[in-house]
Amino acid sequence: MMGWYGAGMGVGSWLAMGVFWLVLLAAVIWLVAQLLPTSQGRAGGRAAQPESPEDILDRRFTLGELDTQTYQAQRAALVAARAGHR
């Protein structure tokens, strides 16, 4: 009863099956890479802009890490430093 399945799959069928699984695997890897956050801070496929010194100072003041006097002194120092570079 050997060979009752016929000749089996031909070379073209094996190649098509291999290509199908490679494409499916690549699609799954791409999808996972798009959904997971990365250390580069990607937001919607674009790299996030680095925080400016003023943004960092504002954030620290908002979080209560700096008191008003320190915040105002450091803010004035940043403004003076920026004016000196122009």
PDB file of N, CA and C in Angstrom:
ATOM      1  N   MET A   1       0.802  -1.187   0.000  1.00  0.00           N
ATOM      2  CA  MET A   1       0.000   0.000   0.000  1.00  0.00           C
ATOM      3  C   MET A   1       0.848   1.256   0.000  1.00  0.00           C
ATOM      4  N   MET A   2       2.069   1.149  -0.340  1.00  0.00           N
ATOM      5  CA  MET A   2       2.925   2.310  -0.366  1.00  0.00           C
ATOM      6  C   MET A   2       2.533   3.238  -1.501  1.00  0.00           C
ATOM      7  N   GLY A   3       2.660   4.534  -1.238  1.00  0.00           N
ATOM      8  CA  GLY A   3       2.399   5.499  -2.291  1.00  0.00           C
ATOM      9  C   GLY A   3       0.934   5.797  -2.508  1.00  0.00           C
ATOM     10  N   TRP A   4       0.076   5.409  -1.600  1.00  0.00           N
ATOM     11  CA  TRP A   4      -1.336   5.678  -1.846  1.00  0.00           C
ATOM     12  C   TRP A   4      -1.686   7.141  -1.642  1.00  0.00           C
ATOM     13  N   TYR A   5      -0.722   7.944  -1.102  1.00  0.00           N
ATOM     14  CA  TYR A   5      -0.917   9.384  -0.988  1.00  0.00           C
ATOM     15  C   TYR A   5      -0.533  10.094  -2.276  1.00  0.00           C
ATOM     16  N   GLY A   6      -0.091   9.387  -3.247  1.00  0.00           N
ATOM     17  CA  GLY A   6       0.349   9.996  -4.488  1.00  0.00           C
ATOM     18  C   GLY A   6       1.817  10.384  -4.372  1.00  0.00           C
ATOM     19  N   ALA A   7       2.207  11.395  -5.093  1.00  0.00           N
ATOM     20  CA  ALA A   7       3.601  11.797  -5.139  1.00  0.00           C
ATOM     21  C   ALA A   7       3.984  12.706  -3.971  1.00  0.00           C
ATOM     22  N   GLY A   8       3.030  13.126  -3.174  1.00  0.00           N
ATOM     23  CA  GLY A   8       3.328  14.017  -2.063  1.00  0.00           C
ATOM     24  C   GLY A   8       3.412  15.462  -2.531  1.00  0.00           C
ATOM     25  N   MET A   9       3.968  16.293  -1.677  1.00  0.00           N
ATOM     26  CA  MET A   9       4.083  17.709  -2.024  1.00  0.00           C
ATOM     27  C   MET A   9       5.273  17.916  -2.937  1.00  0.00           C
ATOM     28  N   GLY A  10       5.088  18.731  -3.932  1.00  0.00           N
ATOM     29  CA  GLY A  10       6.183  19.045  -4.841  1.00  0.00           C
ATOM     30  C   GLY A  10       7.080  20.122  -4.253  1.00  0.00           C
ATOM     31  N   VAL A  11       8.139  20.429  -4.975  1.00  0.00           N
ATOM     32  CA  VAL A  11       9.105  21.432  -4.533  1.00  0.00           C
ATOM     33  C   VAL A  11       8.442  22.794  -4.389  1.00  0.00           C
ATOM     34  N   GLY A  12       7.585  23.140  -5.301  1.00  0.00           N
ATOM     35  CA  GLY A  12       6.892  24.437  -5.244  1.00  0.00           C
ATOM     36  C   GLY A  12       6.025  24.562  -4.010  1.00  0.00           C
ATOM     37  N   SER A  13       5.370  23.496  -3.627  1.00  0.00           N
ATOM     38  CA  SER A  13       4.529  23.523  -2.429  1.00  0.00           C
ATOM     39  C   SER A  13       5.375  23.704  -1.176  1.00  0.00           C
ATOM     40  N   TRP A  14       6.516  23.028  -1.104  1.00  0.00           N
ATOM     41  CA  TRP A  14       7.408  23.180   0.044  1.00  0.00           C
ATOM     42  C   TRP A  14       7.934  24.608   0.124  1.00  0.00           C
ATOM     43  N   LEU A  15       8.305  25.187  -0.994  1.00  0.00           N
ATOM     44  CA  LEU A  15       8.796  26.563  -1.006  1.00  0.00           C
ATOM     45  C   LEU A  15       7.708  27.547  -0.581  1.00  0.00           C
ATOM     46  N   ALA A  16       6.507  27.353  -1.084  1.00  0.00           N
ATOM     47  CA  ALA A  16       5.392  28.236  -0.733  1.00  0.00           C
ATOM     48  C   ALA A  16       5.093  28.153   0.760  1.00  0.00           C
ATOM     49  N   MET A  17       5.121  26.945   1.325  1.00  0.00           N
ATOM     50  CA  MET A  17       4.868  26.774   2.748  1.00  0.00           C
ATOM     51  C   MET A  17       5.973  27.451   3.563  1.00  0.00           C
ATOM     52  N   GLY A  18       7.217  27.321   3.151  1.00  0.00           N
ATOM     53  CA  GLY A  18       8.325  27.963   3.853  1.00  0.00           C
ATOM     54  C   GLY A  18       8.218  29.479   3.812  1.00  0.00           C
ATOM     55  N   VAL A  19       7.905  30.027   2.641  1.00  0.00           N
ATOM     56  CA  VAL A  19       7.749  31.471   2.505  1.00  0.00           C
ATOM     57  C   VAL A  19       6.593  31.966   3.363  1.00  0.00           C
ATOM     58  N   PHE A  20       5.487  31.230   3.383  1.00  0.00           N
ATOM     59  CA  PHE A  20       4.331  31.606   4.194  1.00  0.00           C
ATOM     60  C   PHE A  20       4.724  31.734   5.669  1.00  0.00           C
ATOM     61  N   TRP A  21       5.440  30.739   6.206  1.00  0.00           N
ATOM     62  CA  TRP A  21       5.815  30.775   7.620  1.00  0.00           C
ATOM     63  C   TRP A  21       6.833  31.861   7.910  1.00  0.00           C
ATOM     64  N   LEU A  22       7.742  32.133   6.989  1.00  0.00           N
ATOM     65  CA  LEU A  22       8.700  33.219   7.188  1.00  0.00           C
ATOM     66  C   LEU A  22       8.003  34.579   7.225  1.00  0.00           C
ATOM     67  N   VAL A  23       7.050  34.776   6.324  1.00  0.00           N
ATOM     68  CA  VAL A  23       6.303  36.033   6.294  1.00  0.00           C
ATOM     69  C   VAL A  23       5.458  36.175   7.560  1.00  0.00           C
ATOM     70  N   LEU A  24       4.825  35.101   7.983  1.00  0.00           N
ATOM     71  CA  LEU A  24       4.013  35.140   9.195  1.00  0.00           C
ATOM     72  C   LEU A  24       4.878  35.450  10.420  1.00  0.00           C
ATOM     73  N   LEU A  25       6.033  34.825  10.528  1.00  0.00           N
ATOM     74  CA  LEU A  25       6.936  35.074  11.648  1.00  0.00           C
ATOM     75  C   LEU A  25       7.439  36.517  11.629  1.00  0.00           C
ATOM     76  N   ALA A  26       7.800  37.019  10.471  1.00  0.00           N
ATOM     77  CA  ALA A  26       8.264  38.404  10.353  1.00  0.00           C
ATOM     78  C   ALA A  26       7.153  39.378  10.747  1.00  0.00           C
ATOM     79  N   ALA A  27       5.917  39.096  10.360  1.00  0.00           N
ATOM     80  CA  ALA A  27       4.795  39.968  10.715  1.00  0.00           C
ATOM     81  C   ALA A  27       4.567  39.982  12.226  1.00  0.00           C
ATOM     82  N   VAL A  28       4.676  38.843  12.874  1.00  0.00           N
ATOM     83  CA  VAL A  28       4.485  38.773  14.322  1.00  0.00           C
ATOM     84  C   VAL A  28       5.600  39.545  15.034  1.00  0.00           C
ATOM     85  N   ILE A  29       6.840  39.379  14.600  1.00  0.00           N
ATOM     86  CA  ILE A  29       7.968  40.087  15.212  1.00  0.00           C
ATOM     87  C   ILE A  29       7.819  41.597  15.024  1.00  0.00           C
ATOM     88  N   TRP A  30       7.424  42.027  13.847  1.00  0.00           N
ATOM     89  CA  TRP A  30       7.231  43.446  13.576  1.00  0.00           C
ATOM     90  C   TRP A  30       6.121  44.019  14.461  1.00  0.00           C
ATOM     91  N   LEU A  31       5.023  43.285  14.595  1.00  0.00           N
ATOM     92  CA  LEU A  31       3.899  43.748  15.403  1.00  0.00           C
ATOM     93  C   LEU A  31       4.301  43.878  16.868  1.00  0.00           C
ATOM     94  N   VAL A  32       5.009  42.903  17.392  1.00  0.00           N
ATOM     95  CA  VAL A  32       5.465  42.962  18.782  1.00  0.00           C
ATOM     96  C   VAL A  32       6.418  44.140  18.970  1.00  0.00           C
ATOM     97  N   ALA A  33       7.316  44.363  18.030  1.00  0.00           N
ATOM     98  CA  ALA A  33       8.261  45.474  18.133  1.00  0.00           C
ATOM     99  C   ALA A  33       7.544  46.819  18.107  1.00  0.00           C
ATOM    100  N   GLN A  34       6.451  46.929  17.385  1.00  0.00           N
ATOM    101  CA  GLN A  34       5.704  48.179  17.317  1.00  0.00           C
ATOM    102  C   GLN A  34       4.898  48.433  18.582  1.00  0.00           C
ATOM    103  N   LEU A  35       4.462  47.375  19.241  1.00  0.00           N
ATOM    104  CA  LEU A  35       3.606  47.529  20.417  1.00  0.00           C
ATOM    105  C   LEU A  35       4.385  47.712  21.715  1.00  0.00           C
ATOM    106  N   LEU A  36       5.608  47.235  21.785  1.00  0.00           N
ATOM    107  CA  LEU A  36       6.390  47.343  23.008  1.00  0.00           C
ATOM    108  C   LEU A  36       7.081  48.693  23.096  1.00  0.00           C
ATOM    109  N   PRO A  37       7.101  49.291  24.290  1.00  0.00           N
ATOM    110  CA  PRO A  37       7.838  50.546  24.442  1.00  0.00           C
ATOM    111  C   PRO A  37       9.330  50.276  24.399  1.00  0.00           C
ATOM    112  N   THR A  38      10.081  51.274  23.954  1.00  0.00           N
ATOM    113  CA  THR A  38      11.527  51.112  23.860  1.00  0.00           C
ATOM    114  C   THR A  38      12.215  52.101  24.770  1.00  0.00           C
ATOM    115  N   SER A  39      13.481  51.891  24.969  1.00  0.00           N
ATOM    116  CA  SER A  39      14.248  52.776  25.838  1.00  0.00           C
ATOM    117  C   SER A  39      14.534  54.119  25.178  1.00  0.00           C
ATOM    118  N   GLN A  40      14.349  54.239  23.889  1.00  0.00           N
ATOM    119  CA  GLN A  40      14.589  55.509  23.212  1.00  0.00           C
ATOM    120  C   GLN A  40      13.428  56.473  23.379  1.00  0.00           C
ATOM    121  N   GLY A  41      12.381  56.060  24.060  1.00  0.00           N
ATOM    122  CA  GLY A  41      11.251  56.952  24.277  1.00  0.00           C
ATOM    123  C   GLY A  41      10.436  57.186  23.027  1.00  0.00           C
ATOM    124  N   ARG A  42      10.303  56.186  22.219  1.00  0.00           N
ATOM    125  CA  ARG A  42       9.548  56.316  20.983  1.00  0.00           C
ATOM    126  C   ARG A  42       8.081  56.557  21.287  1.00  0.00           C
ATOM    127  N   ALA A  43       7.501  57.528  20.648  1.00  0.00           N
ATOM    128  CA  ALA A  43       6.085  57.825  20.822  1.00  0.00           C
ATOM    129  C   ALA A  43       5.453  57.874  19.437  1.00  0.00           C
ATOM    130  N   GLY A  44       4.695  56.875  19.094  1.00  0.00           N
ATOM    131  CA  GLY A  44       4.054  56.855  17.795  1.00  0.00           C
ATOM    132  C   GLY A  44       5.024  56.719  16.652  1.00  0.00           C
ATOM    133  N   GLY A  45       6.145  56.082  16.873  1.00  0.00           N
ATOM    134  CA  GLY A  45       7.114  55.864  15.819  1.00  0.00           C
ATOM    135  C   GLY A  45       8.148  56.962  15.686  1.00  0.00           C
ATOM    136  N   ARG A  46       8.006  58.048  16.445  1.00  0.00           N
ATOM    137  CA  ARG A  46       8.976  59.134  16.380  1.00  0.00           C
ATOM    138  C   ARG A  46       9.756  59.183  17.684  1.00  0.00           C
ATOM    139  N   ALA A  47      10.993  59.591  17.596  1.00  0.00           N
ATOM    140  CA  ALA A  47      11.813  59.732  18.802  1.00  0.00           C
ATOM    141  C   ALA A  47      11.352  60.965  19.569  1.00  0.00           C
ATOM    142  N   ALA A  48      11.252  60.830  20.873  1.00  0.00           N
ATOM    143  CA  ALA A  48      10.824  61.943  21.710  1.00  0.00           C
ATOM    144  C   ALA A  48      11.951  62.974  21.801  1.00  0.00           C
ATOM    145  N   GLN A  49      11.563  64.239  21.886  1.00  0.00           N
ATOM    146  CA  GLN A  49      12.537  65.310  22.022  1.00  0.00           C
ATOM    147  C   GLN A  49      13.125  65.262  23.431  1.00  0.00           C
ATOM    148  N   PRO A  50      14.431  65.477  23.573  1.00  0.00           N
ATOM    149  CA  PRO A  50      15.010  65.510  24.919  1.00  0.00           C
ATOM    150  C   PRO A  50      14.488  66.728  25.686  1.00  0.00           C
ATOM    151  N   GLU A  51      14.425  66.591  27.001  1.00  0.00           N
ATOM    152  CA  GLU A  51      13.939  67.692  27.833  1.00  0.00           C
ATOM    153  C   GLU A  51      14.960  68.821  27.861  1.00  0.00           C
ATOM    154  N   SER A  52      14.460  70.028  27.792  1.00  0.00           N
ATOM    155  CA  SER A  52      15.340  71.192  27.914  1.00  0.00           C
ATOM    156  C   SER A  52      15.624  71.414  29.402  1.00  0.00           C
ATOM    157  N   PRO A  53      16.675  72.152  29.722  1.00  0.00           N
ATOM    158  CA  PRO A  53      16.950  72.447  31.137  1.00  0.00           C
ATOM    159  C   PRO A  53      15.770  73.142  31.829  1.00  0.00           C
ATOM    160  N   GLU A  54      15.074  74.007  31.097  1.00  0.00           N
ATOM    161  CA  GLU A  54      13.919  74.687  31.678  1.00  0.00           C
ATOM    162  C   GLU A  54      12.803  73.692  31.999  1.00  0.00           C
ATOM    163  N   ASP A  55      12.590  72.737  31.099  1.00  0.00           N
ATOM    164  CA  ASP A  55      11.564  71.719  31.342  1.00  0.00           C
ATOM    165  C   ASP A  55      11.898  70.878  32.574  1.00  0.00           C
ATOM    166  N   ILE A  56      13.164  70.513  32.717  1.00  0.00           N
ATOM    167  CA  ILE A  56      13.588  69.722  33.874  1.00  0.00           C
ATOM    168  C   ILE A  56      13.393  70.532  35.154  1.00  0.00           C
ATOM    169  N   LEU A  57      13.776  71.804  35.117  1.00  0.00           N
ATOM    170  CA  LEU A  57      13.612  72.664  36.285  1.00  0.00           C
ATOM    171  C   LEU A  57      12.130  72.824  36.646  1.00  0.00           C
ATOM    172  N   ASP A  58      11.284  73.049  35.641  1.00  0.00           N
ATOM    173  CA  ASP A  58       9.848  73.180  35.883  1.00  0.00           C
ATOM    174  C   ASP A  58       9.267  71.901  36.471  1.00  0.00           C
ATOM    175  N   ARG A  59       9.676  70.754  35.930  1.00  0.00           N
ATOM    176  CA  ARG A  59       9.167  69.475  36.429  1.00  0.00           C
ATOM    177  C   ARG A  59       9.578  69.256  37.880  1.00  0.00           C
ATOM    178  N   ARG A  60      10.832  69.546  38.201  1.00  0.00           N
ATOM    179  CA  ARG A  60      11.311  69.363  39.576  1.00  0.00           C
ATOM    180  C   ARG A  60      10.583  70.302  40.541  1.00  0.00           C
ATOM    181  N   PHE A  61      10.290  71.531  40.101  1.00  0.00           N
ATOM    182  CA  PHE A  61       9.547  72.469  40.944  1.00  0.00           C
ATOM    183  C   PHE A  61       8.118  71.982  41.155  1.00  0.00           C
ATOM    184  N   THR A  62       7.506  71.486  40.092  1.00  0.00           N
ATOM    185  CA  THR A  62       6.140  70.984  40.177  1.00  0.00           C
ATOM    186  C   THR A  62       6.039  69.785  41.111  1.00  0.00           C
ATOM    187  N   LEU A  63       7.052  68.927  41.086  1.00  0.00           N
ATOM    188  CA  LEU A  63       7.048  67.742  41.948  1.00  0.00           C
ATOM    189  C   LEU A  63       7.415  68.058  43.398  1.00  0.00           C
ATOM    190  N   GLY A  64       7.793  69.302  43.670  1.00  0.00           N
ATOM    191  CA  GLY A  64       8.119  69.693  45.037  1.00  0.00           C
ATOM    192  C   GLY A  64       9.557  69.402  45.429  1.00  0.00           C
ATOM    193  N   GLU A  65      10.406  69.105  44.469  1.00  0.00           N
ATOM    194  CA  GLU A  65      11.813  68.847  44.774  1.00  0.00           C
ATOM    195  C   GLU A  65      12.577  70.136  45.049  1.00  0.00           C
ATOM    196  N   LEU A  66      12.065  71.258  44.555  1.00  0.00           N
ATOM    197  CA  LEU A  66      12.716  72.556  44.744  1.00  0.00           C
ATOM    198  C   LEU A  66      11.749  73.511  45.431  1.00  0.00           C
ATOM    199  N   ASP A  67      12.290  74.363  46.316  1.00  0.00           N
ATOM    200  CA  ASP A  67      11.440  75.396  46.894  1.00  0.00           C
ATOM    201  C   ASP A  67      11.417  76.601  45.948  1.00  0.00           C
ATOM    202  N   THR A  68      10.581  77.558  46.241  1.00  0.00           N
ATOM    203  CA  THR A  68      10.381  78.698  45.346  1.00  0.00           C
ATOM    204  C   THR A  68      11.663  79.507  45.163  1.00  0.00           C
ATOM    205  N   GLN A  69      12.376  79.741  46.247  1.00  0.00           N
ATOM    206  CA  GLN A  69      13.593  80.546  46.166  1.00  0.00           C
ATOM    207  C   GLN A  69      14.649  79.864  45.285  1.00  0.00           C
ATOM    208  N   THR A  70      14.849  78.559  45.463  1.00  0.00           N
ATOM    209  CA  THR A  70      15.824  77.820  44.652  1.00  0.00           C
ATOM    210  C   THR A  70      15.397  77.791  43.193  1.00  0.00           C
ATOM    211  N   TYR A  71      14.099  77.571  42.962  1.00  0.00           N
ATOM    212  CA  TYR A  71      13.578  77.537  41.593  1.00  0.00           C
ATOM    213  C   TYR A  71      13.845  78.861  40.886  1.00  0.00           C
ATOM    214  N   GLN A  72      13.508  79.991  41.560  1.00  0.00           N
ATOM    215  CA  GLN A  72      13.682  81.301  40.937  1.00  0.00           C
ATOM    216  C   GLN A  72      15.156  81.602  40.677  1.00  0.00           C
ATOM    217  N   ALA A  73      16.026  81.210  41.596  1.00  0.00           N
ATOM    218  CA  ALA A  73      17.457  81.454  41.408  1.00  0.00           C
ATOM    219  C   ALA A  73      18.000  80.642  40.233  1.00  0.00           C
ATOM    220  N   GLN A  74      17.610  79.378  40.148  1.00  0.00           N
ATOM    221  CA  GLN A  74      18.099  78.542  39.053  1.00  0.00           C
ATOM    222  C   GLN A  74      17.498  78.965  37.721  1.00  0.00           C
ATOM    223  N   ARG A  75      16.245  79.395  37.743  1.00  0.00           N
ATOM    224  CA  ARG A  75      15.605  79.875  36.511  1.00  0.00           C
ATOM    225  C   ARG A  75      16.320  81.129  36.011  1.00  0.00           C
ATOM    226  N   ALA A  76      16.657  82.037  36.928  1.00  0.00           N
ATOM    227  CA  ALA A  76      17.374  83.259  36.540  1.00  0.00           C
ATOM    228  C   ALA A  76      18.760  82.917  36.006  1.00  0.00           C
ATOM    229  N   ALA A  77      19.411  81.939  36.596  1.00  0.00           N
ATOM    230  CA  ALA A  77      20.732  81.527  36.112  1.00  0.00           C
ATOM    231  C   ALA A  77      20.636  80.941  34.709  1.00  0.00           C
ATOM    232  N   LEU A  78      19.602  80.167  34.444  1.00  0.00           N
ATOM    233  CA  LEU A  78      19.419  79.613  33.089  1.00  0.00           C
ATOM    234  C   LEU A  78      19.168  80.715  32.071  1.00  0.00           C
ATOM    235  N   VAL A  79      18.334  81.687  32.433  1.00  0.00           N
ATOM    236  CA  VAL A  79      18.041  82.794  31.511  1.00  0.00           C
ATOM    237  C   VAL A  79      19.310  83.599  31.239  1.00  0.00           C
ATOM    238  N   ALA A  80      20.087  83.855  32.287  1.00  0.00           N
ATOM    239  CA  ALA A  80      21.342  84.605  32.108  1.00  0.00           C
ATOM    240  C   ALA A  80      22.335  83.837  31.249  1.00  0.00           C
ATOM    241  N   ALA A  81      22.398  82.525  31.440  1.00  0.00           N
ATOM    242  CA  ALA A  81      23.323  81.706  30.660  1.00  0.00           C
ATOM    243  C   ALA A  81      22.901  81.678  29.200  1.00  0.00           C
ATOM    244  N   ARG A  82      21.621  81.603  28.949  1.00  0.00           N
ATOM    245  CA  ARG A  82      21.135  81.605  27.558  1.00  0.00           C
ATOM    246  C   ARG A  82      21.390  82.950  26.898  1.00  0.00           C
ATOM    247  N   ALA A  83      21.211  84.051  27.654  1.00  0.00           N
ATOM    248  CA  ALA A  83      21.442  85.386  27.098  1.00  0.00           C
ATOM    249  C   ALA A  83      22.937  85.590  26.801  1.00  0.00           C
ATOM    250  N   GLY A  84      23.801  84.979  27.598  1.00  0.00           N
ATOM    251  CA  GLY A  84      25.234  85.120  27.379  1.00  0.00           C
ATOM    252  C   GLY A  84      25.736  84.380  26.161  1.00  0.00           C
ATOM    253  N   HIS A  85      25.015  83.357  25.717  1.00  0.00           N
ATOM    254  CA  HIS A  85      25.422  82.563  24.558  1.00  0.00           C
ATOM    255  C   HIS A  85      24.923  83.150  23.234  1.00  0.00           C
ATOM    256  N   ARG A  86      24.124  84.159  23.295  1.00  0.00           N
ATOM    257  CA  ARG A  86      23.572  84.723  22.056  1.00  0.00           C
ATOM    258  C   ARG A  86      24.445  85.772  21.476  1.00  0.00           C
TER     259      ARG A  86
END
